[in-house]
Amino acid sequence: MLHQALLEPEEWALIDPCEHGATTKAYATAAAQLAELGRVIAQASEYEVARTLSTSIHDHPVLCQFFDSKHRGLNELTFAWVDTKSGHPCKARLDAVRFTGNELIILDLKSTADASPIDFGKSAVNHGYILQGSFYTDSVFNCIRSLEKLLELPAGTLNSVPVSFEFFCA
């Protein structure tokens, strides 16, 4: 849900919190009624966690810049390309890309119980997150013309711009 709250506000607006337990008949009834209206139900407690985290990030003096409209940005991007060395098809789903005017930043949102460098570092190794930065950066380089078009930038704008990859842990 945090992805919707931060990166997909139009999807977030369709979620309604429900106090009933997810396995109750009342929850199932409410879910069916909301589905008929094109809406989605969520546990109230989970909804509140996502709402609180999203609000905290938007209010944070440093983190809010990644969601500021002054930067060109795109969320939930899918890139597909063929690896030139192996000939294998590749596909990447990037959570967010921000162009600051002098840097391109790839953001990968991760939910975690502990975002400290040591504990998140362990998670990054255990879950293979350490490979994502390289793979996502490759996706940008292989699909750079498409990205320029999506960001409505002139061709070649991103040729000499540094690209960074950042985990965004909440």
N, C-alpha and C. Protein backbone atom coordinates (compact mmCIF):
# COMPACT_ATOMS: atom_id res chain seq x y z
N MET A 1 0.81 -1.19 0.00
CA MET A 1 0.00 0.00 0.00
C MET A 1 0.86 1.26 0.00
N LEU A 2 2.05 1.16 0.57
CA LEU A 2 2.92 2.33 0.59
C LEU A 2 3.28 2.77 -0.82
N HIS A 3 3.45 1.82 -1.72
CA HIS A 3 3.71 2.17 -3.13
C HIS A 3 2.59 3.05 -3.67
N GLN A 4 1.35 2.65 -3.41
CA GLN A 4 0.22 3.45 -3.90
C GLN A 4 0.20 4.83 -3.24
N ALA A 5 0.41 4.86 -1.93
CA ALA A 5 0.36 6.14 -1.21
C ALA A 5 1.41 7.12 -1.72
N LEU A 6 2.62 6.62 -2.02
CA LEU A 6 3.71 7.50 -2.45
C LEU A 6 3.80 7.67 -3.96
N LEU A 7 3.60 6.58 -4.69
CA LEU A 7 3.92 6.59 -6.11
C LEU A 7 2.70 6.55 -7.03
N GLU A 8 1.56 6.15 -6.52
CA GLU A 8 0.36 6.02 -7.34
C GLU A 8 -0.84 6.66 -6.64
N PRO A 9 -0.84 7.98 -6.51
CA PRO A 9 -1.92 8.63 -5.76
C PRO A 9 -3.31 8.36 -6.31
N GLU A 10 -3.42 8.14 -7.62
CA GLU A 10 -4.74 7.85 -8.21
C GLU A 10 -5.24 6.48 -7.75
N GLU A 11 -4.33 5.54 -7.55
CA GLU A 11 -4.70 4.22 -7.02
C GLU A 11 -5.00 4.30 -5.52
N TRP A 12 -4.19 5.09 -4.81
CA TRP A 12 -4.37 5.27 -3.37
C TRP A 12 -5.76 5.84 -3.07
N ALA A 13 -6.21 6.73 -3.90
CA ALA A 13 -7.51 7.37 -3.69
C ALA A 13 -8.67 6.37 -3.80
N LEU A 14 -8.43 5.20 -4.38
CA LEU A 14 -9.48 4.19 -4.55
C LEU A 14 -9.54 3.18 -3.40
N ILE A 15 -8.66 3.35 -2.41
CA ILE A 15 -8.60 2.40 -1.30
C ILE A 15 -9.42 2.93 -0.12
N ASP A 16 -10.28 2.08 0.42
CA ASP A 16 -11.07 2.42 1.59
C ASP A 16 -10.67 1.52 2.75
N PRO A 17 -10.34 2.12 3.91
CA PRO A 17 -10.00 1.29 5.07
C PRO A 17 -11.24 0.64 5.67
N CYS A 18 -11.06 -0.54 6.24
CA CYS A 18 -12.16 -1.28 6.85
C CYS A 18 -11.71 -1.78 8.22
N GLU A 19 -12.53 -1.56 9.23
CA GLU A 19 -12.20 -1.98 10.60
C GLU A 19 -12.41 -3.48 10.81
N HIS A 20 -13.21 -4.12 9.99
CA HIS A 20 -13.49 -5.54 10.17
C HIS A 20 -12.27 -6.38 9.83
N GLY A 21 -12.13 -7.52 10.46
CA GLY A 21 -11.04 -8.43 10.17
C GLY A 21 -11.14 -8.95 8.74
N ALA A 22 -10.01 -9.18 8.12
CA ALA A 22 -9.97 -9.58 6.72
C ALA A 22 -10.64 -10.92 6.45
N THR A 23 -10.82 -11.74 7.47
CA THR A 23 -11.44 -13.05 7.27
C THR A 23 -12.92 -13.07 7.69
N THR A 24 -13.48 -11.90 7.99
CA THR A 24 -14.88 -11.85 8.44
C THR A 24 -15.83 -11.69 7.26
N LYS A 25 -17.07 -12.07 7.51
CA LYS A 25 -18.11 -11.92 6.49
C LYS A 25 -18.35 -10.44 6.20
N ALA A 26 -18.29 -9.60 7.23
CA ALA A 26 -18.50 -8.16 7.05
C ALA A 26 -17.45 -7.56 6.11
N TYR A 27 -16.21 -8.03 6.24
CA TYR A 27 -15.13 -7.56 5.37
C TYR A 27 -15.40 -7.99 3.93
N ALA A 28 -15.78 -9.25 3.74
CA ALA A 28 -16.05 -9.76 2.40
C ALA A 28 -17.22 -9.01 1.75
N THR A 29 -18.25 -8.72 2.54
CA THR A 29 -19.39 -7.97 2.03
C THR A 29 -18.98 -6.57 1.61
N ALA A 30 -18.22 -5.90 2.49
CA ALA A 30 -17.75 -4.54 2.18
C ALA A 30 -16.86 -4.55 0.94
N ALA A 31 -15.99 -5.56 0.83
CA ALA A 31 -15.10 -5.66 -0.33
C ALA A 31 -15.90 -5.81 -1.61
N ALA A 32 -16.93 -6.64 -1.59
CA ALA A 32 -17.76 -6.85 -2.78
C ALA A 32 -18.50 -5.57 -3.16
N GLN A 33 -19.03 -4.87 -2.17
CA GLN A 33 -19.74 -3.62 -2.45
C GLN A 33 -18.81 -2.57 -3.03
N LEU A 34 -17.61 -2.46 -2.49
CA LEU A 34 -16.64 -1.49 -2.99
C LEU A 34 -16.16 -1.86 -4.39
N ALA A 35 -15.98 -3.15 -4.65
CA ALA A 35 -15.54 -3.60 -5.97
C ALA A 35 -16.54 -3.19 -7.04
N GLU A 36 -17.82 -3.23 -6.72
CA GLU A 36 -18.84 -2.80 -7.67
C GLU A 36 -18.71 -1.32 -8.01
N LEU A 37 -18.12 -0.56 -7.09
CA LEU A 37 -17.92 0.87 -7.29
C LEU A 37 -16.53 1.18 -7.86
N GLY A 38 -15.75 0.12 -8.15
CA GLY A 38 -14.41 0.31 -8.68
C GLY A 38 -13.41 0.71 -7.61
N ARG A 39 -13.71 0.35 -6.36
CA ARG A 39 -12.85 0.71 -5.25
C ARG A 39 -12.26 -0.56 -4.64
N VAL A 40 -11.30 -0.40 -3.74
CA VAL A 40 -10.59 -1.51 -3.12
C VAL A 40 -10.67 -1.35 -1.61
N ILE A 41 -10.75 -2.47 -0.91
CA ILE A 41 -10.79 -2.44 0.55
C ILE A 41 -9.42 -2.81 1.11
N ALA A 42 -9.10 -2.29 2.30
CA ALA A 42 -7.85 -2.62 2.98
C ALA A 42 -8.09 -2.64 4.47
N GLN A 43 -7.31 -3.44 5.16
CA GLN A 43 -7.37 -3.44 6.62
C GLN A 43 -7.06 -2.03 7.12
N ALA A 44 -7.86 -1.52 8.02
CA ALA A 44 -7.68 -0.16 8.53
C ALA A 44 -6.29 0.04 9.12
N SER A 45 -5.78 -0.95 9.84
CA SER A 45 -4.46 -0.81 10.47
C SER A 45 -3.35 -0.70 9.42
N GLU A 46 -3.43 -1.50 8.36
CA GLU A 46 -2.43 -1.44 7.29
C GLU A 46 -2.53 -0.13 6.51
N TYR A 47 -3.76 0.30 6.28
CA TYR A 47 -4.01 1.56 5.59
C TYR A 47 -3.38 2.72 6.38
N GLU A 48 -3.59 2.68 7.69
CA GLU A 48 -3.08 3.77 8.55
C GLU A 48 -1.56 3.80 8.56
N VAL A 49 -0.92 2.64 8.56
CA VAL A 49 0.55 2.59 8.51
C VAL A 49 1.05 3.23 7.21
N ALA A 50 0.46 2.86 6.09
CA ALA A 50 0.87 3.41 4.80
C ALA A 50 0.62 4.92 4.74
N ARG A 51 -0.52 5.36 5.26
CA ARG A 51 -0.85 6.79 5.26
C ARG A 51 0.13 7.57 6.13
N THR A 52 0.44 7.04 7.31
CA THR A 52 1.36 7.70 8.23
C THR A 52 2.76 7.79 7.63
N LEU A 53 3.25 6.68 7.06
CA LEU A 53 4.58 6.69 6.44
C LEU A 53 4.63 7.68 5.28
N SER A 54 3.61 7.66 4.44
CA SER A 54 3.57 8.58 3.30
C SER A 54 3.58 10.03 3.77
N THR A 55 2.77 10.33 4.75
CA THR A 55 2.72 11.71 5.28
C THR A 55 4.06 12.10 5.86
N SER A 56 4.70 11.20 6.61
CA SER A 56 6.00 11.49 7.21
C SER A 56 7.06 11.76 6.14
N ILE A 57 7.03 10.98 5.06
CA ILE A 57 7.99 11.18 3.98
C ILE A 57 7.76 12.52 3.29
N HIS A 58 6.49 12.84 3.01
CA HIS A 58 6.18 14.13 2.37
C HIS A 58 6.54 15.32 3.27
N ASP A 59 6.50 15.12 4.59
CA ASP A 59 6.81 16.20 5.54
C ASP A 59 8.30 16.27 5.88
N HIS A 60 9.08 15.27 5.51
CA HIS A 60 10.50 15.21 5.85
C HIS A 60 11.27 16.24 5.01
N PRO A 61 12.17 17.00 5.65
CA PRO A 61 12.88 18.06 4.91
C PRO A 61 13.77 17.58 3.77
N VAL A 62 14.28 16.36 3.83
CA VAL A 62 15.15 15.84 2.77
C VAL A 62 14.36 14.92 1.83
N LEU A 63 13.62 13.99 2.39
CA LEU A 63 12.93 12.99 1.57
C LEU A 63 11.85 13.59 0.69
N CYS A 64 11.23 14.67 1.12
CA CYS A 64 10.14 15.28 0.34
C CYS A 64 10.61 15.74 -1.04
N GLN A 65 11.89 16.05 -1.19
CA GLN A 65 12.39 16.53 -2.48
C GLN A 65 12.19 15.51 -3.60
N PHE A 66 12.13 14.23 -3.25
CA PHE A 66 11.95 13.20 -4.27
C PHE A 66 10.52 13.17 -4.81
N PHE A 67 9.63 13.87 -4.14
CA PHE A 67 8.23 13.91 -4.57
C PHE A 67 7.80 15.33 -4.91
N ASP A 68 8.78 16.21 -5.07
CA ASP A 68 8.53 17.60 -5.41
C ASP A 68 8.31 17.72 -6.91
N SER A 69 7.32 18.47 -7.30
CA SER A 69 6.99 18.61 -8.72
C SER A 69 8.04 19.40 -9.50
N LYS A 70 9.01 20.03 -8.82
CA LYS A 70 10.04 20.78 -9.55
C LYS A 70 10.99 19.84 -10.30
N HIS A 71 11.06 18.57 -9.86
CA HIS A 71 11.87 17.58 -10.58
C HIS A 71 10.98 16.81 -11.54
N ARG A 72 11.51 16.54 -12.73
CA ARG A 72 10.77 15.67 -13.64
C ARG A 72 10.86 14.27 -13.08
N GLY A 73 9.72 13.63 -12.97
CA GLY A 73 9.74 12.30 -12.40
C GLY A 73 8.67 11.39 -12.96
N LEU A 74 8.97 10.12 -12.92
CA LEU A 74 8.04 9.10 -13.35
C LEU A 74 8.04 7.99 -12.32
N ASN A 75 6.89 7.36 -12.18
CA ASN A 75 6.75 6.27 -11.23
C ASN A 75 6.29 5.01 -11.94
N GLU A 76 6.71 3.87 -11.36
CA GLU A 76 6.27 2.56 -11.84
C GLU A 76 6.53 2.38 -13.35
N LEU A 77 7.80 2.50 -13.73
CA LEU A 77 8.21 2.37 -15.14
C LEU A 77 8.65 0.95 -15.45
N THR A 78 8.22 0.45 -16.57
CA THR A 78 8.68 -0.87 -17.03
C THR A 78 9.51 -0.67 -18.29
N PHE A 79 10.73 -1.19 -18.26
CA PHE A 79 11.62 -1.14 -19.42
C PHE A 79 11.92 -2.56 -19.88
N ALA A 80 11.97 -2.75 -21.18
CA ALA A 80 12.34 -4.04 -21.75
C ALA A 80 13.40 -3.80 -22.82
N TRP A 81 14.40 -4.67 -22.88
CA TRP A 81 15.47 -4.56 -23.85
C TRP A 81 16.12 -5.93 -24.02
N VAL A 82 16.99 -6.04 -24.99
CA VAL A 82 17.74 -7.28 -25.22
C VAL A 82 19.18 -7.00 -24.83
N ASP A 83 19.71 -7.84 -23.96
CA ASP A 83 21.10 -7.69 -23.54
C ASP A 83 22.01 -7.92 -24.73
N THR A 84 22.90 -6.96 -24.99
CA THR A 84 23.75 -7.04 -26.19
C THR A 84 24.78 -8.16 -26.11
N LYS A 85 25.23 -8.52 -24.91
CA LYS A 85 26.25 -9.57 -24.78
C LYS A 85 25.65 -10.97 -24.83
N SER A 86 24.55 -11.18 -24.13
CA SER A 86 23.98 -12.53 -24.06
C SER A 86 22.86 -12.77 -25.06
N GLY A 87 22.25 -11.69 -25.54
CA GLY A 87 21.12 -11.83 -26.44
C GLY A 87 19.81 -12.15 -25.71
N HIS A 88 19.86 -12.18 -24.38
CA HIS A 88 18.67 -12.50 -23.59
C HIS A 88 17.77 -11.28 -23.43
N PRO A 89 16.46 -11.52 -23.48
CA PRO A 89 15.53 -10.41 -23.21
C PRO A 89 15.58 -10.06 -21.72
N CYS A 90 15.51 -8.77 -21.43
CA CYS A 90 15.54 -8.29 -20.05
C CYS A 90 14.35 -7.38 -19.82
N LYS A 91 13.92 -7.32 -18.57
CA LYS A 91 12.80 -6.47 -18.21
C LYS A 91 13.02 -5.98 -16.79
N ALA A 92 12.74 -4.70 -16.56
CA ALA A 92 12.89 -4.13 -15.22
C ALA A 92 11.69 -3.24 -14.92
N ARG A 93 11.25 -3.29 -13.69
CA ARG A 93 10.15 -2.44 -13.22
C ARG A 93 10.73 -1.52 -12.16
N LEU A 94 10.93 -0.26 -12.53
CA LEU A 94 11.52 0.73 -11.63
C LEU A 94 10.41 1.43 -10.86
N ASP A 95 10.61 1.56 -9.56
CA ASP A 95 9.60 2.23 -8.74
C ASP A 95 9.50 3.71 -9.12
N ALA A 96 10.64 4.37 -9.22
CA ALA A 96 10.61 5.80 -9.52
C ALA A 96 11.92 6.25 -10.14
N VAL A 97 11.82 7.25 -11.02
CA VAL A 97 12.97 7.90 -11.63
C VAL A 97 12.76 9.40 -11.49
N ARG A 98 13.79 10.09 -11.04
CA ARG A 98 13.72 11.55 -10.89
C ARG A 98 14.89 12.19 -11.64
N PHE A 99 14.57 13.22 -12.42
CA PHE A 99 15.61 13.98 -13.11
C PHE A 99 15.65 15.36 -12.47
N THR A 100 16.78 15.68 -11.85
CA THR A 100 16.91 16.94 -11.11
C THR A 100 17.40 18.09 -11.98
N GLY A 101 17.76 17.79 -13.21
CA GLY A 101 18.34 18.80 -14.09
C GLY A 101 19.82 18.54 -14.31
N ASN A 102 20.46 17.93 -13.31
CA ASN A 102 21.88 17.59 -13.47
C ASN A 102 22.19 16.17 -13.00
N GLU A 103 21.16 15.41 -12.62
CA GLU A 103 21.36 14.03 -12.18
C GLU A 103 20.07 13.24 -12.41
N LEU A 104 20.23 11.98 -12.73
CA LEU A 104 19.09 11.07 -12.84
C LEU A 104 19.17 10.12 -11.66
N ILE A 105 18.10 10.05 -10.88
CA ILE A 105 18.07 9.22 -9.68
C ILE A 105 17.03 8.13 -9.86
N ILE A 106 17.45 6.88 -9.66
CA ILE A 106 16.54 5.75 -9.68
C ILE A 106 16.24 5.41 -8.23
N LEU A 107 14.97 5.38 -7.87
CA LEU A 107 14.56 5.08 -6.50
C LEU A 107 13.89 3.72 -6.45
N ASP A 108 14.27 2.93 -5.46
CA ASP A 108 13.62 1.65 -5.24
C ASP A 108 13.07 1.65 -3.82
N LEU A 109 11.77 1.63 -3.69
CA LEU A 109 11.10 1.70 -2.41
C LEU A 109 11.06 0.33 -1.75
N LYS A 110 11.52 0.27 -0.52
CA LYS A 110 11.51 -0.98 0.25
C LYS A 110 10.84 -0.74 1.60
N SER A 111 9.93 -1.63 1.95
CA SER A 111 9.34 -1.61 3.29
C SER A 111 10.23 -2.49 4.16
N THR A 112 10.52 -2.03 5.35
CA THR A 112 11.40 -2.80 6.22
C THR A 112 11.09 -2.50 7.68
N ALA A 113 11.32 -3.47 8.53
CA ALA A 113 11.13 -3.28 9.96
C ALA A 113 12.27 -2.45 10.54
N ASP A 114 13.44 -2.51 9.91
CA ASP A 114 14.60 -1.78 10.42
C ASP A 114 15.43 -1.28 9.23
N ALA A 115 15.47 0.03 9.05
CA ALA A 115 16.19 0.63 7.92
C ALA A 115 17.61 1.03 8.28
N SER A 116 18.10 0.59 9.43
CA SER A 116 19.47 0.92 9.79
C SER A 116 20.43 0.30 8.78
N PRO A 117 21.58 0.92 8.58
CA PRO A 117 22.52 0.40 7.57
C PRO A 117 22.88 -1.08 7.78
N ILE A 118 23.08 -1.49 9.01
CA ILE A 118 23.48 -2.88 9.25
C ILE A 118 22.34 -3.84 8.95
N ASP A 119 21.16 -3.58 9.52
CA ASP A 119 20.04 -4.51 9.31
C ASP A 119 19.53 -4.48 7.88
N PHE A 120 19.41 -3.30 7.28
CA PHE A 120 18.95 -3.28 5.90
C PHE A 120 20.02 -3.86 4.98
N GLY A 121 21.28 -3.63 5.32
CA GLY A 121 22.38 -4.23 4.54
C GLY A 121 22.28 -5.75 4.51
N LYS A 122 21.94 -6.33 5.65
CA LYS A 122 21.76 -7.79 5.71
C LYS A 122 20.60 -8.22 4.81
N SER A 123 19.50 -7.48 4.88
CA SER A 123 18.34 -7.79 4.03
C SER A 123 18.71 -7.66 2.56
N ALA A 124 19.48 -6.64 2.23
CA ALA A 124 19.88 -6.41 0.83
C ALA A 124 20.67 -7.60 0.30
N VAL A 125 21.53 -8.14 1.13
CA VAL A 125 22.31 -9.31 0.72
C VAL A 125 21.42 -10.55 0.66
N ASN A 126 20.63 -10.78 1.71
CA ASN A 126 19.79 -11.98 1.78
C ASN A 126 18.75 -12.06 0.67
N HIS A 127 18.21 -10.92 0.25
CA HIS A 127 17.16 -10.90 -0.76
C HIS A 127 17.65 -10.54 -2.16
N GLY A 128 18.96 -10.37 -2.31
CA GLY A 128 19.52 -10.07 -3.62
C GLY A 128 19.31 -8.63 -4.07
N TYR A 129 18.95 -7.75 -3.13
CA TYR A 129 18.74 -6.34 -3.49
C TYR A 129 20.00 -5.70 -4.04
N ILE A 130 21.16 -6.21 -3.62
CA ILE A 130 22.42 -5.60 -4.04
C ILE A 130 22.62 -5.66 -5.54
N LEU A 131 21.92 -6.58 -6.22
CA LEU A 131 22.03 -6.67 -7.67
C LEU A 131 21.10 -5.70 -8.39
N GLN A 132 20.08 -5.21 -7.70
CA GLN A 132 19.09 -4.35 -8.34
C GLN A 132 19.67 -3.05 -8.87
N GLY A 133 20.53 -2.42 -8.11
CA GLY A 133 21.10 -1.15 -8.54
C GLY A 133 21.77 -1.25 -9.89
N SER A 134 22.58 -2.26 -10.06
CA SER A 134 23.27 -2.48 -11.33
C SER A 134 22.28 -2.79 -12.46
N PHE A 135 21.33 -3.67 -12.18
CA PHE A 135 20.37 -4.08 -13.20
C PHE A 135 19.47 -2.91 -13.61
N TYR A 136 18.98 -2.14 -12.63
CA TYR A 136 18.11 -1.01 -12.93
C TYR A 136 18.87 0.09 -13.67
N THR A 137 20.12 0.30 -13.30
CA THR A 137 20.94 1.28 -14.01
C THR A 137 21.16 0.83 -15.45
N ASP A 138 21.41 -0.46 -15.66
CA ASP A 138 21.52 -1.00 -17.02
C ASP A 138 20.24 -0.75 -17.80
N SER A 139 19.10 -0.92 -17.16
CA SER A 139 17.82 -0.72 -17.86
C SER A 139 17.71 0.72 -18.36
N VAL A 140 18.15 1.67 -17.54
CA VAL A 140 18.10 3.08 -17.95
C VAL A 140 19.03 3.32 -19.14
N PHE A 141 20.25 2.80 -19.08
CA PHE A 141 21.19 3.00 -20.18
C PHE A 141 20.71 2.34 -21.47
N ASN A 142 20.09 1.19 -21.35
CA ASN A 142 19.60 0.49 -22.54
C ASN A 142 18.32 1.10 -23.11
N CYS A 143 17.60 1.82 -22.29
CA CYS A 143 16.32 2.40 -22.73
C CYS A 143 16.33 3.92 -22.60
N ILE A 144 17.50 4.52 -22.73
CA ILE A 144 17.66 5.95 -22.45
C ILE A 144 16.82 6.84 -23.38
N ARG A 145 16.70 6.47 -24.65
CA ARG A 145 15.89 7.29 -25.57
C ARG A 145 14.41 7.25 -25.18
N SER A 146 13.94 6.08 -24.79
CA SER A 146 12.55 5.96 -24.33
C SER A 146 12.34 6.79 -23.07
N LEU A 147 13.31 6.76 -22.17
CA LEU A 147 13.20 7.53 -20.93
C LEU A 147 13.17 9.02 -21.22
N GLU A 148 14.02 9.47 -22.13
CA GLU A 148 14.01 10.90 -22.50
C GLU A 148 12.65 11.30 -23.04
N LYS A 149 12.05 10.46 -23.87
CA LYS A 149 10.72 10.77 -24.41
C LYS A 149 9.68 10.82 -23.30
N LEU A 150 9.72 9.85 -22.38
CA LEU A 150 8.76 9.82 -21.28
C LEU A 150 8.90 11.04 -20.37
N LEU A 151 10.15 11.49 -20.19
CA LEU A 151 10.41 12.68 -19.36
C LEU A 151 10.24 13.98 -20.16
N GLU A 152 9.94 13.83 -21.45
CA GLU A 152 9.77 14.97 -22.36
C GLU A 152 11.02 15.84 -22.41
N LEU A 153 12.16 15.15 -22.57
CA LEU A 153 13.46 15.81 -22.69
C LEU A 153 13.96 15.70 -24.12
N PRO A 154 14.73 16.68 -24.58
CA PRO A 154 15.33 16.56 -25.92
C PRO A 154 16.27 15.36 -25.99
N ALA A 155 16.32 14.73 -27.15
CA ALA A 155 17.21 13.58 -27.35
C ALA A 155 18.64 13.96 -27.00
N GLY A 156 19.31 13.09 -26.27
CA GLY A 156 20.70 13.32 -25.88
C GLY A 156 20.87 14.00 -24.54
N THR A 157 19.79 14.49 -23.94
CA THR A 157 19.88 15.20 -22.65
C THR A 157 20.51 14.35 -21.57
N LEU A 158 20.19 13.07 -21.57
CA LEU A 158 20.68 12.20 -20.49
C LEU A 158 22.01 11.52 -20.80
N ASN A 159 22.60 11.82 -21.96
CA ASN A 159 23.85 11.16 -22.36
C ASN A 159 24.98 11.33 -21.36
N SER A 160 25.15 12.51 -20.83
CA SER A 160 26.30 12.77 -19.96
C SER A 160 25.90 13.07 -18.52
N VAL A 161 24.68 12.72 -18.16
CA VAL A 161 24.17 12.98 -16.82
C VAL A 161 24.51 11.80 -15.91
N PRO A 162 25.04 12.07 -14.71
CA PRO A 162 25.29 10.96 -13.79
C PRO A 162 23.98 10.28 -13.37
N VAL A 163 24.04 8.96 -13.22
CA VAL A 163 22.88 8.19 -12.81
C VAL A 163 23.21 7.56 -11.45
N SER A 164 22.30 7.72 -10.50
CA SER A 164 22.49 7.08 -9.21
C SER A 164 21.29 6.22 -8.87
N PHE A 165 21.53 5.21 -8.07
CA PHE A 165 20.48 4.31 -7.61
C PHE A 165 20.40 4.43 -6.10
N GLU A 166 19.19 4.61 -5.60
CA GLU A 166 19.00 4.77 -4.15
C GLU A 166 17.88 3.88 -3.66
N PHE A 167 18.14 3.17 -2.57
CA PHE A 167 17.04 2.48 -1.89
C PHE A 167 16.33 3.52 -1.05
N PHE A 168 15.04 3.45 -1.05
CA PHE A 168 14.20 4.36 -0.28
C PHE A 168 13.48 3.47 0.72
N CYS A 169 13.99 3.43 1.96
CA CYS A 169 13.48 2.48 2.95
C CYS A 169 12.50 3.14 3.90
N ALA A 170 11.38 2.49 4.07
CA ALA A 170 10.37 3.00 5.01
C ALA A 170 9.86 1.86 5.86
